[in-house]
C-alpha atoms as a PDB file:
ATOM      1  CA  MET A   1      -9.984  10.508 -20.552  1.00  0.00           C
ATOM      2  CA  ARG A   2     -13.843  11.432 -19.938  1.00  0.00           C
ATOM      3  CA  LEU A   3     -15.897   9.829 -17.728  1.00  0.00           C
ATOM      4  CA  LYS A   4     -19.568  10.102 -17.473  1.00  0.00           C
ATOM      5  CA  SER A   5     -22.819   7.759 -16.295  1.00  0.00           C
ATOM      6  CA  PHE A   6     -25.637   7.089 -18.215  1.00  0.00           C
ATOM      7  CA  HIS A   7     -29.280   5.696 -17.109  1.00  0.00           C
ATOM      8  CA  GLY A   8     -31.791   4.053 -18.924  1.00  0.00           C
ATOM      9  CA  ALA A   9     -34.736   1.600 -18.078  1.00  0.00           C
ATOM     10  CA  THR A  10     -32.636  -1.515 -19.123  1.00  0.00           C
ATOM     11  CA  LEU A  11     -28.872  -2.413 -20.241  1.00  0.00           C
ATOM     12  CA  THR A  12     -29.785  -1.869 -23.628  1.00  0.00           C
ATOM     13  CA  ASP A  13     -31.272   1.837 -23.288  1.00  0.00           C
ATOM     14  CA  ALA A  14     -28.233   2.643 -21.198  1.00  0.00           C
ATOM     15  CA  MET A  15     -25.614   1.661 -23.276  1.00  0.00           C
ATOM     16  CA  HIS A  16     -27.633   2.994 -26.779  1.00  0.00           C
ATOM     17  CA  GLY A  17     -27.309   6.457 -25.044  1.00  0.00           C
ATOM     18  CA  VAL A  18     -23.865   5.280 -24.649  1.00  0.00           C
ATOM     19  CA  ARG A  19     -23.350   5.384 -28.005  1.00  0.00           C
ATOM     20  CA  GLU A  20     -25.269   8.003 -28.789  1.00  0.00           C
ATOM     21  CA  ALA A  21     -22.980  10.686 -26.476  1.00  0.00           C
ATOM     22  CA  LEU A  22     -19.682   8.652 -26.284  1.00  0.00           C
ATOM     23  CA  GLY A  23     -19.646   6.909 -30.308  1.00  0.00           C
ATOM     24  CA  GLU A  24     -18.431   3.699 -30.320  1.00  0.00           C
ATOM     25  CA  ASN A  25     -15.034   3.349 -28.373  1.00  0.00           C
ATOM     26  CA  ALA A  26     -16.043   4.656 -24.949  1.00  0.00           C
ATOM     27  CA  ILE A  27     -15.481   2.224 -22.842  1.00  0.00           C
ATOM     28  CA  ILE A  28     -17.548   0.929 -20.400  1.00  0.00           C
ATOM     29  CA  VAL A  29     -15.906   1.091 -16.310  1.00  0.00           C
ATOM     30  CA  ALA A  30     -19.052   0.425 -14.202  1.00  0.00           C
ATOM     31  CA  THR A  31     -23.150  -0.416 -14.394  1.00  0.00           C
ATOM     32  CA  HIS A  32     -25.347  -1.148 -11.513  1.00  0.00           C
ATOM     33  CA  GLU A  33     -28.492  -0.883 -10.783  1.00  0.00           C
ATOM     34  CA  ASP A  34     -30.218   2.645  -9.965  1.00  0.00           C
ATOM     35  CA  GLU A  35     -31.330   3.076  -6.242  1.00  0.00           C
ATOM     36  CA  SER A  36     -34.064   4.663  -8.533  1.00  0.00           C
ATOM     37  CA  GLY A  37     -34.823   2.405 -10.413  1.00  0.00           C
ATOM     38  CA  GLY A  38     -33.219   1.249 -14.049  1.00  0.00           C
ATOM     39  CA  VAL A  39     -29.823   0.429 -14.924  1.00  0.00           C
ATOM     40  CA  ARG A  40     -27.097   3.138 -14.726  1.00  0.00           C
ATOM     41  CA  VAL A  41     -23.609   2.508 -17.019  1.00  0.00           C
ATOM     42  CA  THR A  42     -19.962   4.392 -16.572  1.00  0.00           C
ATOM     43  CA  ALA A  43     -18.291   5.098 -19.233  1.00  0.00           C
ATOM     44  CA  ALA A  44     -15.104   6.317 -20.355  1.00  0.00           C
ATOM     45  CA  ILE A  45     -13.568   8.115 -23.632  1.00  0.00           C
ATOM     46  CA  ASP A  46     -10.195   8.986 -24.230  1.00  0.00           C
ATOM     47  CA  ASP A  47     -10.311  12.961 -25.360  1.00  0.00           C
ATOM     48  CA  ALA A  48      -7.151  12.520 -27.529  1.00  0.00           C
ATOM     49  CA  ALA A  49      -4.765  15.174 -25.100  1.00  0.00           C
ATOM     50  CA  PRO A  50      -1.177  15.822 -25.908  1.00  0.00           C
ATOM     51  CA  ALA A  51       1.111  13.907 -24.708  1.00  0.00           C
ATOM     52  CA  GLU A  52       2.139  16.312 -21.398  1.00  0.00           C
ATOM     53  CA  GLN A  53      -1.239  15.849 -19.728  1.00  0.00           C
ATOM     54  CA  ALA A  54      -1.867  12.125 -20.612  1.00  0.00           C
ATOM     55  CA  ASN A  55      -2.052  11.896 -16.693  1.00  0.00           C
ATOM     56  CA  THR A  56      -4.577  14.609 -16.989  1.00  0.00           C
ATOM     57  CA  VAL A  57      -7.727  13.005 -14.712  1.00  0.00           C
ATOM     58  CA  THR A  58     -10.867  14.471 -14.660  1.00  0.00           C
ATOM     59  CA  ALA A  59     -14.310  14.581 -12.915  1.00  0.00           C
ATOM     60  CA  PRO A  60     -17.104  13.365 -14.799  1.00  0.00           C
ATOM     61  CA  PRO A  61     -18.877  16.827 -16.773  1.00  0.00           C
ATOM     62  CA  ASP A  62     -21.661  16.661 -13.875  1.00  0.00           C
ATOM     63  CA  GLY A  63     -19.657  15.986 -11.235  1.00  0.00           C
ATOM     64  CA  SER A  64     -19.283  17.422  -7.385  1.00  0.00           C
ATOM     65  CA  GLU A  65     -16.803  19.560  -6.330  1.00  0.00           C
ATOM     66  CA  ALA A  66     -15.508  16.570  -3.750  1.00  0.00           C
ATOM     67  CA  LEU A  67     -15.279  14.004  -7.593  1.00  0.00           C
ATOM     68  CA  GLU A  68     -13.184  17.478  -8.900  1.00  0.00           C
ATOM     69  CA  LYS A  69     -10.796  17.582  -6.164  1.00  0.00           C
ATOM     70  CA  ILE A  70     -10.027  13.657  -6.560  1.00  0.00           C
ATOM     71  CA  ALA A  71      -9.116  14.285 -10.448  1.00  0.00           C
ATOM     72  CA  GLU A  72      -6.844  16.712  -8.899  1.00  0.00           C
ATOM     73  CA  ALA A  73      -5.183  14.824  -6.523  1.00  0.00           C
ATOM     74  CA  LEU A  74      -5.325  11.562  -8.811  1.00  0.00           C
ATOM     75  CA  THR A  75      -2.934  14.387 -11.669  1.00  0.00           C
ATOM     76  CA  TYR A  76      -0.859  15.575  -8.945  1.00  0.00           C
ATOM     77  CA  HIS A  77       0.696  12.548  -8.272  1.00  0.00           C
ATOM     78  CA  ASN A  78       1.033  10.410 -11.260  1.00  0.00           C
ATOM     79  CA  VAL A  79      -0.786   7.793 -10.948  1.00  0.00           C
ATOM     80  CA  TYR A  80      -1.321   4.901 -13.869  1.00  0.00           C
ATOM     81  CA  PRO A  81      -3.910   6.078 -16.317  1.00  0.00           C
ATOM     82  CA  VAL A  82      -5.737   3.093 -16.088  1.00  0.00           C
ATOM     83  CA  LEU A  83      -5.361   2.555 -12.678  1.00  0.00           C
ATOM     84  CA  ALA A  84      -6.126   6.597 -12.028  1.00  0.00           C
ATOM     85  CA  GLU A  85      -9.837   5.578 -14.436  1.00  0.00           C
ATOM     86  CA  LYS A  86     -10.903   3.107 -11.715  1.00  0.00           C
ATOM     87  CA  ILE A  87     -10.479   4.982  -8.985  1.00  0.00           C
ATOM     88  CA  MET A  88     -12.275   7.540  -9.980  1.00  0.00           C
ATOM     89  CA  ALA A  89     -15.307   5.761 -11.725  1.00  0.00           C
ATOM     90  CA  THR A  90     -15.841   4.412  -7.741  1.00  0.00           C
ATOM     91  CA  ALA A  91     -15.491   7.406  -6.758  1.00  0.00           C
ATOM     92  CA  THR A  92     -18.320   9.281  -9.541  1.00  0.00           C
ATOM     93  CA  GLN A  93     -20.630   5.755  -7.698  1.00  0.00           C
ATOM     94  CA  PHE A  94     -20.248   6.429  -4.496  1.00  0.00           C
ATOM     95  CA  ALA A  95     -20.393  10.620  -4.588  1.00  0.00           C
ATOM     96  CA  ASN A  96     -20.251  12.280  -1.593  1.00  0.00           C
ATOM     97  CA  GLU A  97     -19.857  15.751  -0.524  1.00  0.00           C
ATOM     98  CA  ASP A  98     -16.365  15.626   1.518  1.00  0.00           C
ATOM     99  CA  PRO A  99     -13.720  13.344  -1.347  1.00  0.00           C
ATOM    100  CA  LEU A 100     -11.905  11.717   1.810  1.00  0.00           C
ATOM    101  CA  LEU A 101     -14.719   9.897   2.219  1.00  0.00           C
ATOM    102  CA  SER A 102     -15.424   8.919  -0.915  1.00  0.00           C
ATOM    103  CA  LEU A 103     -12.554   8.459  -2.057  1.00  0.00           C
ATOM    104  CA  GLY A 104     -11.990   6.025   0.803  1.00  0.00           C
ATOM    105  CA  ALA A 105     -14.270   4.439  -0.371  1.00  0.00           C
ATOM    106  CA  ALA A 106     -13.399   3.773  -3.708  1.00  0.00           C
ATOM    107  CA  LEU A 107      -9.716   2.609  -2.850  1.00  0.00           C
ATOM    108  CA  ASP A 108     -11.366   0.215  -0.149  1.00  0.00           C
ATOM    109  CA  MET A 109     -12.693  -1.581  -4.401  1.00  0.00           C
ATOM    110  CA  HIS A 110      -9.442  -1.752  -5.145  1.00  0.00           C
ATOM    111  CA  PHE A 111      -7.019  -2.154  -2.500  1.00  0.00           C
ATOM    112  CA  LYS A 112      -6.204  -4.684   0.004  1.00  0.00           C
ATOM    113  CA  PHE A 113      -5.335  -3.727   3.406  1.00  0.00           C
ATOM    114  CA  MET A 114      -3.461  -6.123   6.350  1.00  0.00           C
ATOM    115  CA  PRO A 115      -1.959  -4.406   8.766  1.00  0.00           C
ATOM    116  CA  VAL A 116       0.482  -6.827  10.672  1.00  0.00           C
ATOM    117  CA  GLU A 117      -0.414  -8.813  13.457  1.00  0.00           C
ATOM    118  CA  LYS A 118       1.299  -8.641  16.750  1.00  0.00           C
ATOM    119  CA  ASP A 119       0.367 -11.929  17.955  1.00  0.00           C
ATOM    120  CA  LYS A 120       2.624 -13.857  15.027  1.00  0.00           C
ATOM    121  CA  PRO A 121       6.403 -14.012  13.843  1.00  0.00           C
ATOM    122  CA  LEU A 122       7.166 -11.217  11.298  1.00  0.00           C
ATOM    123  CA  ILE A 123       9.627 -11.317   8.507  1.00  0.00           C
ATOM    124  CA  LEU A 124      10.629  -8.405   7.156  1.00  0.00           C
ATOM    125  CA  VAL A 125      12.344  -9.033   3.735  1.00  0.00           C
ATOM    126  CA  GLY A 126      12.996  -7.000   0.362  1.00  0.00           C
ATOM    127  CA  PRO A 127      16.205  -5.379  -1.509  1.00  0.00           C
ATOM    128  CA  PRO A 128      18.362  -4.262   0.325  1.00  0.00           C
ATOM    129  CA  GLY A 129      18.480  -0.728   1.460  1.00  0.00           C
ATOM    130  CA  ALA A 130      14.951  -0.404   2.443  1.00  0.00           C
ATOM    131  CA  GLY A 131      14.374  -0.162   5.992  1.00  0.00           C
ATOM    132  CA  LYS A 132      13.892  -3.297   6.477  1.00  0.00           C
ATOM    133  CA  THR A 133      16.301  -2.974  10.695  1.00  0.00           C
ATOM    134  CA  LEU A 134      14.724   0.146  10.727  1.00  0.00           C
ATOM    135  CA  CYS A 135      11.061  -1.145  10.968  1.00  0.00           C
ATOM    136  CA  THR A 136      12.082  -3.531  12.887  1.00  0.00           C
ATOM    137  CA  ALA A 137      12.987  -1.600  15.306  1.00  0.00           C
ATOM    138  CA  LYS A 138      10.485   0.142  15.580  1.00  0.00           C
ATOM    139  CA  PHE A 139       8.542  -2.310  15.341  1.00  0.00           C
ATOM    140  CA  ALA A 140      10.776  -3.537  18.403  1.00  0.00           C
ATOM    141  CA  THR A 141      10.672  -0.376  20.096  1.00  0.00           C
ATOM    142  CA  GLN A 142       6.157  -0.252  19.496  1.00  0.00           C
ATOM    143  CA  ALA A 143       6.422  -3.862  22.184  1.00  0.00           C
ATOM    144  CA  THR A 144       8.998  -2.689  24.763  1.00  0.00           C
ATOM    145  CA  LEU A 145       6.740   0.413  25.332  1.00  0.00           C
ATOM    146  CA  ALA A 146       3.671  -2.594  25.664  1.00  0.00           C
ATOM    147  CA  LYS A 147       5.258  -4.438  27.721  1.00  0.00           C
ATOM    148  CA  GLN A 148       5.693  -7.389  25.103  1.00  0.00           C
ATOM    149  CA  LYS A 149       7.488 -10.681  24.999  1.00  0.00           C
ATOM    150  CA  ILE A 150       9.933  -9.456  22.047  1.00  0.00           C
ATOM    151  CA  THR A 151      12.583 -11.881  20.302  1.00  0.00           C
ATOM    152  CA  VAL A 152      14.188  -9.806  17.912  1.00  0.00           C
ATOM    153  CA  VAL A 153      16.759 -11.793  15.380  1.00  0.00           C
ATOM    154  CA  SER A 154      18.725 -11.118  12.642  1.00  0.00           C
ATOM    155  CA  THR A 155      20.250 -13.193   9.251  1.00  0.00           C
ATOM    156  CA  ASP A 156      22.020 -10.189   7.802  1.00  0.00           C
ATOM    157  CA  VAL A 157      25.037 -11.978   9.709  1.00  0.00           C
ATOM    158  CA  ASP A 158      27.605 -11.059   6.444  1.00  0.00           C
ATOM    159  CA  ARG A 159      26.964  -7.733   5.252  1.00  0.00           C
ATOM    160  CA  ALA A 160      29.541  -5.563   7.782  1.00  0.00           C
ATOM    161  CA  GLY A 161      27.963  -3.660   9.980  1.00  0.00           C
ATOM    162  CA  GLY A 162      24.890  -5.266   8.982  1.00  0.00           C
ATOM    163  CA  LEU A 163      24.320  -6.766  12.183  1.00  0.00           C
ATOM    164  CA  GLU A 164      25.896  -3.858  14.696  1.00  0.00           C
ATOM    165  CA  GLN A 165      23.004  -1.124  13.533  1.00  0.00           C
ATOM    166  CA  LEU A 166      19.851  -3.616  15.110  1.00  0.00           C
ATOM    167  CA  ALA A 167      22.682  -4.554  18.122  1.00  0.00           C
ATOM    168  CA  ALA A 168      22.305  -1.016  19.223  1.00  0.00           C
ATOM    169  CA  PHE A 169      18.546  -0.308  19.038  1.00  0.00           C
ATOM    170  CA  THR A 170      18.182  -3.648  20.935  1.00  0.00           C
ATOM    171  CA  ARG A 171      20.849  -2.415  23.946  1.00  0.00           C
ATOM    172  CA  LEU A 172      18.917   0.582  24.206  1.00  0.00           C
ATOM    173  CA  LEU A 173      15.816  -1.755  24.994  1.00  0.00           C
ATOM    174  CA  LYS A 174      17.466  -3.763  26.732  1.00  0.00           C
ATOM    175  CA  ILE A 175      15.627  -7.073  24.619  1.00  0.00           C
ATOM    176  CA  ASN A 176      17.401 -10.435  22.848  1.00  0.00           C
ATOM    177  CA  LEU A 177      18.673 -10.113  20.195  1.00  0.00           C
ATOM    178  CA  VAL A 178      19.643 -13.937  18.372  1.00  0.00           C
ATOM    179  CA  GLU A 179      21.641 -13.712  14.559  1.00  0.00           C
ATOM    180  CA  ILE A 180      20.666 -16.909  12.911  1.00  0.00           C
ATOM    181  CA  ASP A 181      22.469 -17.205   9.465  1.00  0.00           C
ATOM    182  CA  ASP A 182      20.101 -20.828   7.953  1.00  0.00           C
ATOM    183  CA  TRP A 183      16.242 -21.566   7.726  1.00  0.00           C
ATOM    184  CA  HIS A 184      16.044 -25.051   9.667  1.00  0.00           C
ATOM    185  CA  ALA A 185      17.545 -23.069  12.794  1.00  0.00           C
ATOM    186  CA  LEU A 186      15.330 -19.978  12.442  1.00  0.00           C
ATOM    187  CA  ARG A 187      12.312 -22.532  12.290  1.00  0.00           C
ATOM    188  CA  ASP A 188      13.815 -24.106  15.676  1.00  0.00           C
ATOM    189  CA  LEU A 189      13.681 -20.922  17.865  1.00  0.00           C
ATOM    190  CA  ILE A 190       9.969 -20.095  16.004  1.00  0.00           C
ATOM    191  CA  SER A 191       9.490 -22.688  17.438  1.00  0.00           C
ATOM    192  CA  THR A 192      10.901 -22.928  21.267  1.00  0.00           C
ATOM    193  CA  GLN A 193       9.368 -19.024  21.810  1.00  0.00           C
ATOM    194  CA  LYS A 194       5.801 -19.420  22.720  1.00  0.00           C
ATOM    195  CA  ASN A 195       4.230 -15.660  23.222  1.00  0.00           C
ATOM    196  CA  ILE A 196       6.152 -14.380  22.716  1.00  0.00           C
ATOM    197  CA  SER A 197       6.629 -11.297  19.387  1.00  0.00           C
ATOM    198  CA  ILE A 198       8.707 -11.983  17.169  1.00  0.00           C
ATOM    199  CA  TYR A 199      10.347  -9.577  14.309  1.00  0.00           C
ATOM    200  CA  ILE A 200      12.958 -11.438  11.828  1.00  0.00           C
ATOM    201  CA  ASP A 201      15.435  -8.484   9.804  1.00  0.00           C
ATOM    202  CA  MET A 202      16.483 -10.730   6.624  1.00  0.00           C
ATOM    203  CA  ALA A 203      19.209  -9.443   4.909  1.00  0.00           C
ATOM    204  CA  GLY A 204      18.598  -8.155   1.844  1.00  0.00           C
ATOM    205  CA  ARG A 205      18.101 -10.380  -1.568  1.00  0.00           C
ATOM    206  CA  ASN A 206      18.114 -10.177  -5.328  1.00  0.00           C
ATOM    207  CA  PRO A 207      14.706 -11.503  -6.091  1.00  0.00           C
ATOM    208  CA  PHE A 208      15.809 -12.235  -9.684  1.00  0.00           C
ATOM    209  CA  ASP A 209      19.075 -13.880  -8.725  1.00  0.00           C
ATOM    210  CA  PRO A 210      17.159 -17.159  -8.625  1.00  0.00           C
ATOM    211  CA  ARG A 211      20.214 -18.694  -5.108  1.00  0.00           C
ATOM    212  CA  GLU A 212      19.142 -15.407  -3.592  1.00  0.00           C
ATOM    213  CA  LYS A 213      15.733 -15.984  -4.553  1.00  0.00           C
ATOM    214  CA  GLU A 214      15.656 -19.569  -3.239  1.00  0.00           C
ATOM    215  CA  SER A 215      17.179 -18.674   0.449  1.00  0.00           C
ATOM    216  CA  ALA A 216      14.488 -15.910   0.631  1.00  0.00           C
ATOM    217  CA  ARG A 217      11.766 -18.610   0.067  1.00  0.00           C
ATOM    218  CA  GLU A 218      13.339 -20.508   3.061  1.00  0.00           C
ATOM    219  CA  PHE A 219      13.473 -17.514   5.478  1.00  0.00           C
ATOM    220  CA  ILE A 220       9.740 -16.989   4.251  1.00  0.00           C
ATOM    221  CA  ALA A 221       8.947 -20.485   4.875  1.00  0.00           C
ATOM    222  CA  ALA A 222       9.679 -21.118   8.098  1.00  0.00           C
ATOM    223  CA  VAL A 223       8.185 -17.747   9.091  1.00  0.00           C
ATOM    224  CA  GLY A 224       4.996 -18.576   8.077  1.00  0.00           C
ATOM    225  CA  ASN A 225       4.123 -14.814   7.984  1.00  0.00           C
ATOM    226  CA  ALA A 226       6.491 -12.114   5.681  1.00  0.00           C
ATOM    227  CA  ALA A 227       5.798  -8.678   5.057  1.00  0.00           C
ATOM    228  CA  LEU A 228       8.160  -6.630   1.993  1.00  0.00           C
ATOM    229  CA  VAL A 229       9.379  -3.292   2.811  1.00  0.00           C
ATOM    230  CA  LEU A 230       9.158  -0.797  -0.243  1.00  0.00           C
ATOM    231  CA  PRO A 231      10.754   2.444   0.040  1.00  0.00           C
ATOM    232  CA  ALA A 232       8.127   5.375  -1.423  1.00  0.00           C
ATOM    233  CA  GLY A 233       9.272   6.791  -4.815  1.00  0.00           C
ATOM    234  CA  MET A 234      10.655   3.359  -6.613  1.00  0.00           C
ATOM    235  CA  ASP A 235       9.939   3.599  -9.768  1.00  0.00           C
ATOM    236  CA  ALA A 236       6.682   1.647 -10.528  1.00  0.00           C
ATOM    237  CA  VAL A 237       7.732  -0.332 -13.461  1.00  0.00           C
ATOM    238  CA  GLU A 238      11.321  -2.276 -11.505  1.00  0.00           C
ATOM    239  CA  ALA A 239       9.096  -1.642  -8.067  1.00  0.00           C
ATOM    240  CA  VAL A 240       6.340  -3.506  -9.205  1.00  0.00           C
ATOM    241  CA  ASP A 241       8.440  -6.368 -11.340  1.00  0.00           C
ATOM    242  CA  ILE A 242      10.341  -6.725  -7.241  1.00  0.00           C
ATOM    243  CA  ALA A 243       6.764  -7.501  -5.866  1.00  0.00           C
ATOM    244  CA  GLN A 244       5.457  -9.535  -7.855  1.00  0.00           C
ATOM    245  CA  GLU A 245       8.872 -11.557  -7.037  1.00  0.00           C
ATOM    246  CA  TYR A 246       8.603 -11.679  -3.595  1.00  0.00           C
ATOM    247  CA  ARG A 247       4.735 -12.050  -4.143  1.00  0.00           C
ATOM    248  CA  SER A 248       5.541 -15.171  -5.952  1.00  0.00           C
ATOM    249  CA  ILE A 249       7.957 -17.056  -3.029  1.00  0.00           C
ATOM    250  CA  GLY A 250       5.295 -16.055   0.144  1.00  0.00           C
ATOM    251  CA  VAL A 251       5.348 -12.564   0.634  1.00  0.00           C
ATOM    252  CA  SER A 252       1.975 -11.453   2.165  1.00  0.00           C
ATOM    253  CA  ARG A 253       2.047  -7.808   2.312  1.00  0.00           C
ATOM    254  CA  LEU A 254       3.495  -4.605   1.508  1.00  0.00           C
ATOM    255  CA  VAL A 255       5.271  -1.937   4.283  1.00  0.00           C
ATOM    256  CA  VAL A 256       6.618   1.360   2.988  1.00  0.00           C
ATOM    257  CA  THR A 257       8.894   3.201   4.301  1.00  0.00           C
ATOM    258  CA  ARG A 258      10.292   6.884   3.421  1.00  0.00           C
ATOM    259  CA  LEU A 259       6.605   7.717   3.196  1.00  0.00           C
ATOM    260  CA  ASP A 260       8.139  12.123   4.491  1.00  0.00           C
ATOM    261  CA  THR A 261      10.351  12.349   1.455  1.00  0.00           C
ATOM    262  CA  VAL A 262       8.164  11.739  -0.869  1.00  0.00           C
ATOM    263  CA  ARG A 263       5.604  14.239  -2.233  1.00  0.00           C
ATOM    264  CA  HIS A 264       4.491  11.961  -4.958  1.00  0.00           C
ATOM    265  CA  ILE A 265       2.934   8.229  -4.323  1.00  0.00           C
ATOM    266  CA  GLY A 266       1.471   7.123  -7.890  1.00  0.00           C
ATOM    267  CA  SER A 267       4.034   4.414  -7.938  1.00  0.00           C
ATOM    268  CA  LEU A 268       3.330   3.346  -4.791  1.00  0.00           C
ATOM    269  CA  LEU A 269      -0.362   2.736  -6.113  1.00  0.00           C
ATOM    270  CA  ARG A 270       0.242   1.697  -8.687  1.00  0.00           C
ATOM    271  CA  ILE A 271       2.945  -0.976  -7.345  1.00  0.00           C
ATOM    272  CA  ALA A 272       0.017  -2.733  -4.331  1.00  0.00           C
ATOM    273  CA  PHE A 273      -2.562  -3.037  -7.206  1.00  0.00           C
ATOM    274  CA  GLU A 274      -0.320  -4.330  -9.912  1.00  0.00           C
ATOM    275  CA  SER A 275       1.337  -7.072  -7.553  1.00  0.00           C
ATOM    276  CA  ARG A 276      -2.446  -7.258  -5.150  1.00  0.00           C
ATOM    277  CA  LEU A 277      -0.226  -7.038  -1.707  1.00  0.00           C
ATOM    278  CA  PRO A 278      -1.857  -6.136   0.741  1.00  0.00           C
ATOM    279  CA  PHE A 279      -0.653  -2.400   2.075  1.00  0.00           C
ATOM    280  CA  SER A 280       0.227  -3.183   5.568  1.00  0.00           C
ATOM    281  CA  ASN A 281       2.040  -0.689   7.397  1.00  0.00           C
ATOM    282  CA  PHE A 282       4.561   2.495   6.391  1.00  0.00           C
ATOM    283  CA  ALA A 283       6.656   4.175   7.814  1.00  0.00           C
ATOM    284  CA  ALA A 284       6.751   8.345   7.706  1.00  0.00           C
ATOM    285  CA  SER A 285       9.448   9.172   9.916  1.00  0.00           C
ATOM    286  CA  ALA A 286      13.533   7.880  10.210  1.00  0.00           C
ATOM    287  CA  LYS A 287      13.081   8.204  14.224  1.00  0.00           C
ATOM    288  CA  VAL A 288      12.967   5.077  15.299  1.00  0.00           C
ATOM    289  CA  THR A 289      10.257   6.228  18.401  1.00  0.00           C
ATOM    290  CA  GLU A 290       7.900   6.767  15.932  1.00  0.00           C
ATOM    291  CA  ALA A 291       5.520   3.786  14.863  1.00  0.00           C
ATOM    292  CA  LEU A 292       4.848   2.286  11.640  1.00  0.00           C
ATOM    293  CA  GLN A 293       1.346   2.725  11.884  1.00  0.00           C
ATOM    294  CA  PRO A 294      -1.518   0.263  10.097  1.00  0.00           C
ATOM    295  CA  MET A 295      -3.129   1.130   7.036  1.00  0.00           C
ATOM    296  CA  ASN A 296      -6.543   1.557   5.962  1.00  0.00           C
ATOM    297  CA  PRO A 297      -8.300   3.258   3.007  1.00  0.00           C
ATOM    298  CA  VAL A 298      -9.036   6.799   4.759  1.00  0.00           C
ATOM    299  CA  VAL A 299      -5.601   6.437   6.132  1.00  0.00           C
ATOM    300  CA  LEU A 300      -4.084   5.747   1.652  1.00  0.00           C
ATOM    301  CA  ALA A 301      -6.928   8.813   0.778  1.00  0.00           C
ATOM    302  CA  ARG A 302      -5.395  11.317   3.142  1.00  0.00           C
ATOM    303  CA  MET A 303      -1.848  11.120   1.501  1.00  0.00           C
ATOM    304  CA  VAL A 304      -3.672  11.469  -1.717  1.00  0.00           C
ATOM    305  CA  LEU A 305      -5.622  14.276  -1.014  1.00  0.00           C
ATOM    306  CA  HIS A 306      -3.229  16.060   0.781  1.00  0.00           C
ATOM    307  CA  ILE A 307      -1.016  17.714  -2.320  1.00  0.00           C
ATOM    308  CA  ASN A 308       0.780  20.263  -0.287  1.00  0.00           C
ATOM    309  CA  GLY A 309       4.076  19.654   1.166  1.00  0.00           C
ATOM    310  CA  VAL A 310       5.344  16.495   3.298  1.00  0.00           C
ATOM    311  CA  LEU A 311       3.563  14.957   5.229  1.00  0.00           C
ATOM    312  CA  SER A 312       4.236  13.444   9.231  1.00  0.00           C
ATOM    313  CA  SER A 313       2.924  10.170  10.111  1.00  0.00           C
ATOM    314  CA  ALA A 314       0.343  11.297  13.296  1.00  0.00           C
ATOM    315  CA  GLN A 315      -1.080  13.602  10.737  1.00  0.00           C
ATOM    316  CA  ILE A 316      -0.550  11.486   7.400  1.00  0.00           C
ATOM    317  CA  SER A 317      -2.589   8.751  10.438  1.00  0.00           C
ATOM    318  CA  GLY A 318      -5.256  11.461  11.397  1.00  0.00           C
ATOM    319  CA  LYS A 319      -4.605  10.492  14.815  1.00  0.00           C
ATOM    320  CA  LYS A 320      -6.614  14.101  15.697  1.00  0.00           C
ATOM    321  CA  GLU A 321      -8.947  13.370  13.169  1.00  0.00           C
ATOM    322  CA  ARG A 322     -10.887   9.477  13.442  1.00  0.00           C
ATOM    323  CA  VAL A 323     -12.914   8.422  11.020  1.00  0.00           C
ATOM    324  CA  ALA A 324     -15.354   5.766  11.542  1.00  0.00           C
ATOM    325  CA  ALA A 325     -14.094   4.307   8.730  1.00  0.00           C
ATOM    326  CA  GLY A 326     -10.894   3.793   9.501  1.00  0.00           C
ATOM    327  CA  GLU A 327     -11.673   3.298  13.177  1.00  0.00           C
ATOM    328  CA  LYS A 328     -13.012   0.082  11.922  1.00  0.00           C
ATOM    329  CA  ARG A 329      -9.722  -1.265  10.084  1.00  0.00           C
END
């Protein structure tokens, strides 16, 4: 796949340049008014690369070193080709000498970001083993350290050992743990808990089973604020199906776990893009004391551009190097 931009006094002139240079099979990925006047069109064409190189992303022929680094990173992470084309085309429009800023601006155009609010009850949902209990413990730990009043709820009362892990955390933190197995009781609890942070660890559900899906929908509706927890490294196609099912019953954001155990996050980008779920927070450590970090475009761009080794949550979030665009989120 090749990307190239064409300038013309009018859209017709620019399109003439596209067809002349790339032929009738060219795909138009972006058009905009040029700062110097006229219209600029960015187009793409398939170079019919060999199958083993089908996911290779290339920078525009006249692209900067920053764009080349972005193309290299998208290839490394095996980003879904259609999505990679969109990101690359947008990064070309926001061309900057710093690849972090160019990629961050492009990601901001194609993804939504919605970190968890501390003053709203939150229910963490998802398939079994995704990391919901650990995320609940992380949120509870940070709220306790911030001296906030907090209640932790578990609906995982049937699975053997389902409650013990969370109970161990809450005993250490000396906070209240409530066991609830029906959504009516959960709704009533929330209505009586004013000015208190409430985190609910919901038992794992199979969103493809009608009964389990309906049960999850009832719990989500009782809370009104739900995050889907998925581990990094899942098969993209399967994970997209899961995310879309949960989105259909009221989930409003995506929390990602186990980022410290993967090196390629192309599937993660595809999940968020196709499910249209905003990125929320992420975990890059199994330690309860290491907080879930909020996701924003610059943080995500840093993940994509760092292709040499596993990152800690502090490295990913860039605590030692704040970027203005990230501070705003």
